[in-house]
Amino acid sequence: GMLGVLGLLLARQSMESGGTDGFIDLLLSIRADARKNKDFALSDRVRDGLNDLGVEINDRGGESTWTRK
């Protein structure tokens, strides 16, 4: 699916350049839209996929931030 492709692109970009911040921010934007539309399955897939790639999502006060583990 789309998230699998995005995850592979993120991993590949990370290996090639280390410059993934903008891509992670894009995924968080997609996740925020999914949450707003009550598509919690997609929201959880984005969070879990980023977690698997070493990115922790922090939800606080309606905003999401991220840190590398």
PDB file of N, CA and C in Angstrom:
ATOM      1  N   GLY A   1       0.810  -1.188   0.000  1.00  0.00           N
ATOM      2  CA  GLY A   1       0.000   0.000   0.000  1.00  0.00           C
ATOM      3  C   GLY A   1       0.855   1.255   0.000  1.00  0.00           C
ATOM      4  N   MET A   2       0.178   2.375   0.039  1.00  0.00           N
ATOM      5  CA  MET A   2       0.849   3.669  -0.020  1.00  0.00           C
ATOM      6  C   MET A   2       1.851   3.837   1.119  1.00  0.00           C
ATOM      7  N   LEU A   3       1.464   3.431   2.324  1.00  0.00           N
ATOM      8  CA  LEU A   3       2.381   3.623   3.449  1.00  0.00           C
ATOM      9  C   LEU A   3       3.613   2.752   3.333  1.00  0.00           C
ATOM     10  N   GLY A   4       3.436   1.557   2.770  1.00  0.00           N
ATOM     11  CA  GLY A   4       4.598   0.702   2.548  1.00  0.00           C
ATOM     12  C   GLY A   4       5.589   1.362   1.610  1.00  0.00           C
ATOM     13  N   VAL A   5       5.067   1.942   0.538  1.00  0.00           N
ATOM     14  CA  VAL A   5       5.924   2.646  -0.417  1.00  0.00           C
ATOM     15  C   VAL A   5       6.591   3.835   0.257  1.00  0.00           C
ATOM     16  N   LEU A   6       5.823   4.616   1.030  1.00  0.00           N
ATOM     17  CA  LEU A   6       6.400   5.768   1.720  1.00  0.00           C
ATOM     18  C   LEU A   6       7.470   5.331   2.709  1.00  0.00           C
ATOM     19  N   GLY A   7       7.220   4.224   3.398  1.00  0.00           N
ATOM     20  CA  GLY A   7       8.203   3.712   4.353  1.00  0.00           C
ATOM     21  C   GLY A   7       9.495   3.305   3.666  1.00  0.00           C
ATOM     22  N   LEU A   8       9.360   2.651   2.520  1.00  0.00           N
ATOM     23  CA  LEU A   8      10.548   2.254   1.771  1.00  0.00           C
ATOM     24  C   LEU A   8      11.305   3.469   1.268  1.00  0.00           C
ATOM     25  N   LEU A   9      10.565   4.466   0.794  1.00  0.00           N
ATOM     26  CA  LEU A   9      11.225   5.691   0.339  1.00  0.00           C
ATOM     27  C   LEU A   9      11.945   6.386   1.486  1.00  0.00           C
ATOM     28  N   LEU A  10      11.308   6.399   2.651  1.00  0.00           N
ATOM     29  CA  LEU A  10      11.931   7.027   3.816  1.00  0.00           C
ATOM     30  C   LEU A  10      13.217   6.298   4.185  1.00  0.00           C
ATOM     31  N   ALA A  11      13.170   4.975   4.236  1.00  0.00           N
ATOM     32  CA  ALA A  11      14.353   4.202   4.591  1.00  0.00           C
ATOM     33  C   ALA A  11      15.459   4.411   3.560  1.00  0.00           C
ATOM     34  N   ARG A  12      15.086   4.425   2.291  1.00  0.00           N
ATOM     35  CA  ARG A  12      16.068   4.608   1.220  1.00  0.00           C
ATOM     36  C   ARG A  12      16.685   6.003   1.297  1.00  0.00           C
ATOM     37  N   GLN A  13      15.839   7.013   1.489  1.00  0.00           N
ATOM     38  CA  GLN A  13      16.342   8.381   1.582  1.00  0.00           C
ATOM     39  C   GLN A  13      17.268   8.520   2.786  1.00  0.00           C
ATOM     40  N   SER A  14      16.904   7.866   3.876  1.00  0.00           N
ATOM     41  CA  SER A  14      17.718   7.938   5.083  1.00  0.00           C
ATOM     42  C   SER A  14      19.107   7.366   4.824  1.00  0.00           C
ATOM     43  N   MET A  15      19.155   6.246   4.119  1.00  0.00           N
ATOM     44  CA  MET A  15      20.435   5.617   3.830  1.00  0.00           C
ATOM     45  C   MET A  15      21.257   6.464   2.868  1.00  0.00           C
ATOM     46  N   GLU A  16      20.581   7.120   1.913  1.00  0.00           N
ATOM     47  CA  GLU A  16      21.300   7.857   0.883  1.00  0.00           C
ATOM     48  C   GLU A  16      21.795   9.212   1.366  1.00  0.00           C
ATOM     49  N   SER A  17      20.960   9.920   2.140  1.00  0.00           N
ATOM     50  CA  SER A  17      21.319  11.307   2.425  1.00  0.00           C
ATOM     51  C   SER A  17      21.226  11.694   3.890  1.00  0.00           C
ATOM     52  N   GLY A  18      20.470  10.962   4.662  1.00  0.00           N
ATOM     53  CA  GLY A  18      20.264  11.342   6.048  1.00  0.00           C
ATOM     54  C   GLY A  18      19.309  12.510   6.204  1.00  0.00           C
ATOM     55  N   GLY A  19      18.765  13.057   5.098  1.00  0.00           N
ATOM     56  CA  GLY A  19      17.907  14.227   5.171  1.00  0.00           C
ATOM     57  C   GLY A  19      16.435  13.875   5.086  1.00  0.00           C
ATOM     58  N   THR A  20      15.907  13.297   6.148  1.00  0.00           N
ATOM     59  CA  THR A  20      14.535  12.796   6.101  1.00  0.00           C
ATOM     60  C   THR A  20      13.540  13.674   6.841  1.00  0.00           C
ATOM     61  N   ASP A  21      13.987  14.766   7.437  1.00  0.00           N
ATOM     62  CA  ASP A  21      13.089  15.560   8.279  1.00  0.00           C
ATOM     63  C   ASP A  21      11.839  16.010   7.536  1.00  0.00           C
ATOM     64  N   GLY A  22      12.007  16.521   6.333  1.00  0.00           N
ATOM     65  CA  GLY A  22      10.851  16.983   5.560  1.00  0.00           C
ATOM     66  C   GLY A  22       9.897  15.860   5.228  1.00  0.00           C
ATOM     67  N   PHE A  23      10.450  14.674   4.968  1.00  0.00           N
ATOM     68  CA  PHE A  23       9.612  13.527   4.649  1.00  0.00           C
ATOM     69  C   PHE A  23       8.819  13.088   5.878  1.00  0.00           C
ATOM     70  N   ILE A  24       9.452  13.083   7.035  1.00  0.00           N
ATOM     71  CA  ILE A  24       8.754  12.738   8.275  1.00  0.00           C
ATOM     72  C   ILE A  24       7.648  13.753   8.546  1.00  0.00           C
ATOM     73  N   ASP A  25       7.947  15.040   8.340  1.00  0.00           N
ATOM     74  CA  ASP A  25       6.925  16.071   8.527  1.00  0.00           C
ATOM     75  C   ASP A  25       5.743  15.856   7.581  1.00  0.00           C
ATOM     76  N   LEU A  26       6.014  15.433   6.347  1.00  0.00           N
ATOM     77  CA  LEU A  26       4.946  15.135   5.397  1.00  0.00           C
ATOM     78  C   LEU A  26       4.077  13.993   5.916  1.00  0.00           C
ATOM     79  N   LEU A  27       4.702  12.945   6.418  1.00  0.00           N
ATOM     80  CA  LEU A  27       3.932  11.823   6.958  1.00  0.00           C
ATOM     81  C   LEU A  27       3.102  12.262   8.162  1.00  0.00           C
ATOM     82  N   LEU A  28       3.642  13.133   8.996  1.00  0.00           N
ATOM     83  CA  LEU A  28       2.878  13.628  10.143  1.00  0.00           C
ATOM     84  C   LEU A  28       1.689  14.460   9.682  1.00  0.00           C
ATOM     85  N   SER A  29       1.850  15.191   8.596  1.00  0.00           N
ATOM     86  CA  SER A  29       0.741  15.963   8.038  1.00  0.00           C
ATOM     87  C   SER A  29      -0.358  15.029   7.534  1.00  0.00           C
ATOM     88  N   ILE A  30       0.037  13.958   6.856  1.00  0.00           N
ATOM     89  CA  ILE A  30      -0.930  12.951   6.396  1.00  0.00           C
ATOM     90  C   ILE A  30      -1.630  12.326   7.596  1.00  0.00           C
ATOM     91  N   ARG A  31      -0.859  12.036   8.643  1.00  0.00           N
ATOM     92  CA  ARG A  31      -1.439  11.438   9.850  1.00  0.00           C
ATOM     93  C   ARG A  31      -2.434  12.391  10.508  1.00  0.00           C
ATOM     94  N   ALA A  32      -2.097  13.687  10.554  1.00  0.00           N
ATOM     95  CA  ALA A  32      -2.999  14.678  11.152  1.00  0.00           C
ATOM     96  C   ALA A  32      -4.312  14.735  10.373  1.00  0.00           C
ATOM     97  N   ASP A  33      -4.233  14.697   9.047  1.00  0.00           N
ATOM     98  CA  ASP A  33      -5.450  14.685   8.227  1.00  0.00           C
ATOM     99  C   ASP A  33      -6.276  13.426   8.499  1.00  0.00           C
ATOM    100  N   ALA A  34      -5.600  12.296   8.620  1.00  0.00           N
ATOM    101  CA  ALA A  34      -6.307  11.041   8.904  1.00  0.00           C
ATOM    102  C   ALA A  34      -7.020  11.125  10.247  1.00  0.00           C
ATOM    103  N   ARG A  35      -6.353  11.678  11.247  1.00  0.00           N
ATOM    104  CA  ARG A  35      -6.978  11.806  12.571  1.00  0.00           C
ATOM    105  C   ARG A  35      -8.173  12.743  12.522  1.00  0.00           C
ATOM    106  N   LYS A  36      -8.023  13.850  11.781  1.00  0.00           N
ATOM    107  CA  LYS A  36      -9.119  14.815  11.658  1.00  0.00           C
ATOM    108  C   LYS A  36     -10.350  14.157  11.011  1.00  0.00           C
ATOM    109  N   ASN A  37     -10.083  13.241  10.069  1.00  0.00           N
ATOM    110  CA  ASN A  37     -11.159  12.532   9.375  1.00  0.00           C
ATOM    111  C   ASN A  37     -11.570  11.249  10.094  1.00  0.00           C
ATOM    112  N   LYS A  38     -11.069  11.072  11.311  1.00  0.00           N
ATOM    113  CA  LYS A  38     -11.372   9.905  12.139  1.00  0.00           C
ATOM    114  C   LYS A  38     -10.980   8.579  11.471  1.00  0.00           C
ATOM    115  N   ASP A  39      -9.938   8.637  10.644  1.00  0.00           N
ATOM    116  CA  ASP A  39      -9.375   7.426  10.034  1.00  0.00           C
ATOM    117  C   ASP A  39      -8.223   6.974  10.924  1.00  0.00           C
ATOM    118  N   PHE A  40      -8.612   6.392  12.058  1.00  0.00           N
ATOM    119  CA  PHE A  40      -7.611   6.050  13.063  1.00  0.00           C
ATOM    120  C   PHE A  40      -6.754   4.859  12.646  1.00  0.00           C
ATOM    121  N   ALA A  41      -7.270   4.014  11.759  1.00  0.00           N
ATOM    122  CA  ALA A  41      -6.459   2.899  11.262  1.00  0.00           C
ATOM    123  C   ALA A  41      -5.251   3.438  10.485  1.00  0.00           C
ATOM    124  N   LEU A  42      -5.482   4.417   9.608  1.00  0.00           N
ATOM    125  CA  LEU A  42      -4.381   5.013   8.845  1.00  0.00           C
ATOM    126  C   LEU A  42      -3.450   5.779   9.780  1.00  0.00           C
ATOM    127  N   SER A  43      -4.010   6.527  10.702  1.00  0.00           N
ATOM    128  CA  SER A  43      -3.208   7.279  11.659  1.00  0.00           C
ATOM    129  C   SER A  43      -2.268   6.355  12.428  1.00  0.00           C
ATOM    130  N   ASP A  44      -2.809   5.237  12.891  1.00  0.00           N
ATOM    131  CA  ASP A  44      -2.001   4.279  13.646  1.00  0.00           C
ATOM    132  C   ASP A  44      -0.927   3.645  12.764  1.00  0.00           C
ATOM    133  N   ARG A  45      -1.255   3.378  11.487  1.00  0.00           N
ATOM    134  CA  ARG A  45      -0.268   2.784  10.579  1.00  0.00           C
ATOM    135  C   ARG A  45       0.902   3.729  10.352  1.00  0.00           C
ATOM    136  N   VAL A  46       0.613   5.016  10.200  1.00  0.00           N
ATOM    137  CA  VAL A  46       1.696   5.995  10.031  1.00  0.00           C
ATOM    138  C   VAL A  46       2.560   6.018  11.286  1.00  0.00           C
ATOM    139  N   ARG A  47       1.918   6.111  12.457  1.00  0.00           N
ATOM    140  CA  ARG A  47       2.670   6.150  13.720  1.00  0.00           C
ATOM    141  C   ARG A  47       3.522   4.889  13.888  1.00  0.00           C
ATOM    142  N   ASP A  48       2.908   3.726  13.657  1.00  0.00           N
ATOM    143  CA  ASP A  48       3.625   2.471  13.853  1.00  0.00           C
ATOM    144  C   ASP A  48       4.748   2.296  12.831  1.00  0.00           C
ATOM    145  N   GLY A  49       4.489   2.723  11.587  1.00  0.00           N
ATOM    146  CA  GLY A  49       5.517   2.624  10.555  1.00  0.00           C
ATOM    147  C   GLY A  49       6.713   3.504  10.869  1.00  0.00           C
ATOM    148  N   LEU A  50       6.462   4.724  11.317  1.00  0.00           N
ATOM    149  CA  LEU A  50       7.558   5.605  11.704  1.00  0.00           C
ATOM    150  C   LEU A  50       8.289   5.044  12.915  1.00  0.00           C
ATOM    151  N   ASN A  51       7.541   4.482  13.861  1.00  0.00           N
ATOM    152  CA  ASN A  51       8.152   3.878  15.038  1.00  0.00           C
ATOM    153  C   ASN A  51       9.117   2.759  14.632  1.00  0.00           C
ATOM    154  N   ASP A  52       8.685   1.938  13.667  1.00  0.00           N
ATOM    155  CA  ASP A  52       9.537   0.847  13.182  1.00  0.00           C
ATOM    156  C   ASP A  52      10.820   1.369  12.549  1.00  0.00           C
ATOM    157  N   LEU A  53      10.768   2.601  12.019  1.00  0.00           N
ATOM    158  CA  LEU A  53      11.941   3.204  11.391  1.00  0.00           C
ATOM    159  C   LEU A  53      12.746   4.068  12.360  1.00  0.00           C
ATOM    160  N   GLY A  54      12.371   4.014  13.655  1.00  0.00           N
ATOM    161  CA  GLY A  54      13.148   4.719  14.667  1.00  0.00           C
ATOM    162  C   GLY A  54      12.715   6.146  14.926  1.00  0.00           C
ATOM    163  N   VAL A  55      11.454   6.467  14.571  1.00  0.00           N
ATOM    164  CA  VAL A  55      10.924   7.814  14.800  1.00  0.00           C
ATOM    165  C   VAL A  55       9.762   7.709  15.769  1.00  0.00           C
ATOM    166  N   GLU A  56       9.858   8.402  16.890  1.00  0.00           N
ATOM    167  CA  GLU A  56       8.797   8.373  17.891  1.00  0.00           C
ATOM    168  C   GLU A  56       7.918   9.607  17.744  1.00  0.00           C
ATOM    169  N   ILE A  57       6.595   9.372  17.692  1.00  0.00           N
ATOM    170  CA  ILE A  57       5.617  10.448  17.568  1.00  0.00           C
ATOM    171  C   ILE A  57       5.132  10.817  18.968  1.00  0.00           C
ATOM    172  N   ASN A  58       5.077  12.125  19.239  1.00  0.00           N
ATOM    173  CA  ASN A  58       4.593  12.616  20.520  1.00  0.00           C
ATOM    174  C   ASN A  58       3.373  13.493  20.263  1.00  0.00           C
ATOM    175  N   ASP A  59       2.208  13.024  20.712  1.00  0.00           N
ATOM    176  CA  ASP A  59       0.968  13.783  20.560  1.00  0.00           C
ATOM    177  C   ASP A  59       0.703  14.555  21.842  1.00  0.00           C
ATOM    178  N   ARG A  60       0.543  15.883  21.710  1.00  0.00           N
ATOM    179  CA  ARG A  60       0.299  16.698  22.893  1.00  0.00           C
ATOM    180  C   ARG A  60      -0.518  17.918  22.483  1.00  0.00           C
ATOM    181  N   GLY A  61      -1.682  18.075  23.098  1.00  0.00           N
ATOM    182  CA  GLY A  61      -2.504  19.242  22.847  1.00  0.00           C
ATOM    183  C   GLY A  61      -2.958  19.413  21.400  1.00  0.00           C
ATOM    184  N   GLY A  62      -3.234  18.302  20.731  1.00  0.00           N
ATOM    185  CA  GLY A  62      -3.682  18.366  19.350  1.00  0.00           C
ATOM    186  C   GLY A  62      -2.555  18.542  18.341  1.00  0.00           C
ATOM    187  N   GLU A  63      -1.319  18.625  18.819  1.00  0.00           N
ATOM    188  CA  GLU A  63      -0.164  18.756  17.939  1.00  0.00           C
ATOM    189  C   GLU A  63       0.703  17.510  18.055  1.00  0.00           C
ATOM    190  N   SER A  64       1.340  17.160  16.955  1.00  0.00           N
ATOM    191  CA  SER A  64       2.242  16.020  16.955  1.00  0.00           C
ATOM    192  C   SER A  64       3.654  16.494  16.647  1.00  0.00           C
ATOM    193  N   THR A  65       4.587  16.034  17.460  1.00  0.00           N
ATOM    194  CA  THR A  65       5.999  16.277  17.199  1.00  0.00           C
ATOM    195  C   THR A  65       6.686  14.926  17.113  1.00  0.00           C
ATOM    196  N   TRP A  66       7.922  14.914  16.672  1.00  0.00           N
ATOM    197  CA  TRP A  66       8.623  13.642  16.558  1.00  0.00           C
ATOM    198  C   TRP A  66      10.065  13.797  17.003  1.00  0.00           C
ATOM    199  N   THR A  67      10.613  12.671  17.424  1.00  0.00           N
ATOM    200  CA  THR A  67      12.026  12.604  17.773  1.00  0.00           C
ATOM    201  C   THR A  67      12.562  11.271  17.276  1.00  0.00           C
ATOM    202  N   ARG A  68      13.842  11.251  16.997  1.00  0.00           N
ATOM    203  CA  ARG A  68      14.487   9.989  16.631  1.00  0.00           C
ATOM    204  C   ARG A  68      14.820   9.231  17.912  1.00  0.00           C
ATOM    205  N   LYS A  69      14.631   7.928  17.855  1.00  0.00           N
ATOM    206  CA  LYS A  69      14.931   7.110  19.042  1.00  0.00           C
ATOM    207  C   LYS A  69      16.405   6.811  19.113  1.00  0.00           C
TER     208      LYS A  69
END
